Amino acid sequence: MQVLGIVDIVWRGVNVPVEKGAKIKVGGIQNTGVTYGRKVGRAQEFVGSEVTATTNLERGQRFSELWSEAEGELQVVCDTGQTFVMADAFLTERPEITGGEGGKIELKWMASAAEEIL
């Protein structure tokens, strides 16, 4: 049985090659514990989607091809068939470029709930 191995990132229509270890936290409604007296109840709250991936800066590539403060569509495509699409994604931090390690750049996005396509 195949399990998740390769994750592809498509940011605003451009495939961004990423290293192993890309992560997605799929946003949506979650339960939060609420303590009152000697009881615990639950309250629901919305949490946004979060995606983290590391890419490398290539010869001739502009940093601005990766970083933008604008919103756009982000797709997380898994080799197991799932695709998570977030139409309102945005990068949350200006990334650092790490020298000596292939010019690693960690990219972090946030978005509303992802639409899962299988």
Protein backbone atom coordinates (compact mmCIF):
# COMPACT_ATOMS: atom_id res chain seq x y z
CA MET A 1 0.00 0.00 0.00
CA GLN A 2 1.36 3.42 -0.98
CA VAL A 3 1.64 6.15 1.64
CA LEU A 4 2.49 9.83 1.24
CA GLY A 5 5.96 10.39 -0.14
CA ILE A 6 6.12 13.39 -2.47
CA VAL A 7 4.42 16.74 -1.97
CA ASP A 8 4.27 19.29 -4.80
CA ILE A 9 3.49 22.95 -4.20
CA VAL A 10 1.82 25.12 -6.84
CA TRP A 11 1.82 28.80 -5.82
CA ARG A 12 -0.14 31.19 -8.04
CA GLY A 13 0.12 28.80 -10.98
CA VAL A 14 3.88 28.13 -10.65
CA ASN A 15 5.24 24.77 -9.51
CA VAL A 16 7.68 25.36 -6.62
CA PRO A 17 10.01 22.38 -6.14
CA VAL A 18 10.27 21.58 -2.43
CA GLU A 19 12.46 19.41 -0.23
CA LYS A 20 11.20 16.49 1.84
CA GLY A 21 9.29 17.49 4.93
CA ALA A 22 6.64 19.87 3.56
CA LYS A 23 3.74 20.21 6.01
CA ILE A 24 0.07 21.13 5.76
CA LYS A 25 -2.30 21.76 8.64
CA VAL A 26 -5.75 21.66 7.07
CA GLY A 27 -7.87 24.44 8.55
CA GLY A 28 -11.48 24.22 9.64
CA ILE A 29 -13.61 23.90 12.74
CA GLN A 30 -12.01 22.37 15.82
CA ASN A 31 -13.18 21.75 19.38
CA THR A 32 -11.68 23.62 22.33
CA GLY A 33 -12.15 22.50 25.93
CA VAL A 34 -14.03 24.90 28.20
CA THR A 35 -13.81 24.21 31.94
CA TYR A 36 -16.65 25.41 34.16
CA GLY A 37 -17.13 24.25 37.72
CA ARG A 38 -16.20 20.56 37.76
CA LYS A 39 -17.17 19.97 34.17
CA VAL A 40 -15.60 20.34 30.79
CA GLY A 41 -17.59 21.29 27.75
CA ARG A 42 -16.52 22.09 24.26
CA ALA A 43 -16.67 25.20 22.17
CA GLN A 44 -15.94 25.28 18.50
CA GLU A 45 -13.57 27.68 16.82
CA PHE A 46 -12.17 28.12 13.34
CA VAL A 47 -8.45 27.67 12.68
CA GLY A 48 -6.80 28.61 9.42
CA SER A 49 -4.82 26.32 7.15
CA GLU A 50 -1.02 26.46 7.42
CA VAL A 51 1.52 25.20 4.88
CA THR A 52 5.30 25.10 5.38
CA ALA A 53 7.77 24.03 2.70
CA THR A 54 11.46 24.49 1.95
CA THR A 55 12.73 25.25 -1.54
CA ASN A 56 16.13 26.23 -2.92
CA LEU A 57 17.25 29.41 -4.67
CA GLU A 58 18.48 28.48 -8.16
CA ARG A 59 20.97 30.25 -10.43
CA GLY A 60 19.18 32.97 -12.39
CA GLN A 61 16.07 32.82 -10.20
CA ARG A 62 14.73 36.01 -8.66
CA PHE A 63 13.82 35.99 -4.98
CA SER A 64 10.66 37.91 -5.97
CA GLU A 65 9.48 34.83 -7.92
CA LEU A 66 8.95 33.14 -4.54
CA TRP A 67 8.08 36.00 -2.19
CA SER A 68 5.03 38.23 -2.59
CA GLU A 69 2.84 40.00 -0.07
CA ALA A 70 -0.22 39.43 -2.29
CA GLU A 71 -2.81 36.67 -1.91
CA GLY A 72 -3.14 33.89 -4.43
CA GLU A 73 -4.10 30.28 -5.01
CA LEU A 74 -1.98 27.64 -3.28
CA GLN A 75 -2.23 23.95 -4.15
CA VAL A 76 -0.65 21.16 -2.13
CA VAL A 77 -0.54 18.09 -4.37
CA CYS A 78 0.22 14.71 -2.73
CA ASP A 79 1.52 11.68 -4.64
CA THR A 80 -1.23 9.66 -2.95
CA GLY A 81 -3.89 11.54 -4.93
CA GLN A 82 -5.07 14.25 -2.54
CA THR A 83 -4.90 17.89 -3.60
CA PHE A 84 -5.64 20.69 -1.16
CA VAL A 85 -6.63 23.98 -2.81
CA MET A 86 -6.66 27.31 -0.96
CA ALA A 87 -7.82 30.28 -3.04
CA ASP A 88 -6.93 32.97 -0.49
CA ALA A 89 -3.43 31.90 0.61
CA PHE A 90 -0.71 34.37 1.53
CA LEU A 91 2.90 34.12 2.70
CA THR A 92 3.24 35.04 6.38
CA GLU A 93 6.94 35.78 6.88
CA ARG A 94 9.70 37.23 4.74
CA PRO A 95 11.93 34.17 4.32
CA GLU A 96 15.65 33.97 4.96
CA ILE A 97 18.03 32.59 2.34
CA THR A 98 20.48 30.11 3.86
CA GLY A 99 23.88 29.98 2.18
CA GLY A 100 25.99 26.84 1.94
CA GLU A 101 22.94 24.59 1.99
CA GLY A 102 21.68 25.12 -1.54
CA GLY A 103 20.17 28.52 -0.77
CA LYS A 104 17.37 27.02 1.31
CA ILE A 105 14.28 29.18 1.66
CA GLU A 106 11.50 28.19 4.07
CA LEU A 107 8.11 29.40 2.88
CA LYS A 108 5.09 29.65 5.19
CA TRP A 109 1.55 30.25 4.01
CA MET A 110 -1.79 30.71 5.79
CA ALA A 111 -5.25 30.46 4.27
CA SER A 112 -8.87 29.72 5.03
CA ALA A 113 -10.15 26.15 4.98
CA ALA A 114 -8.72 24.09 2.15
CA GLU A 115 -10.86 22.35 -0.43
CA GLU A 116 -9.75 18.71 -0.71
CA ILE A 117 -9.88 17.10 -4.15
CA LEU A 118 -9.26 13.36 -4.49
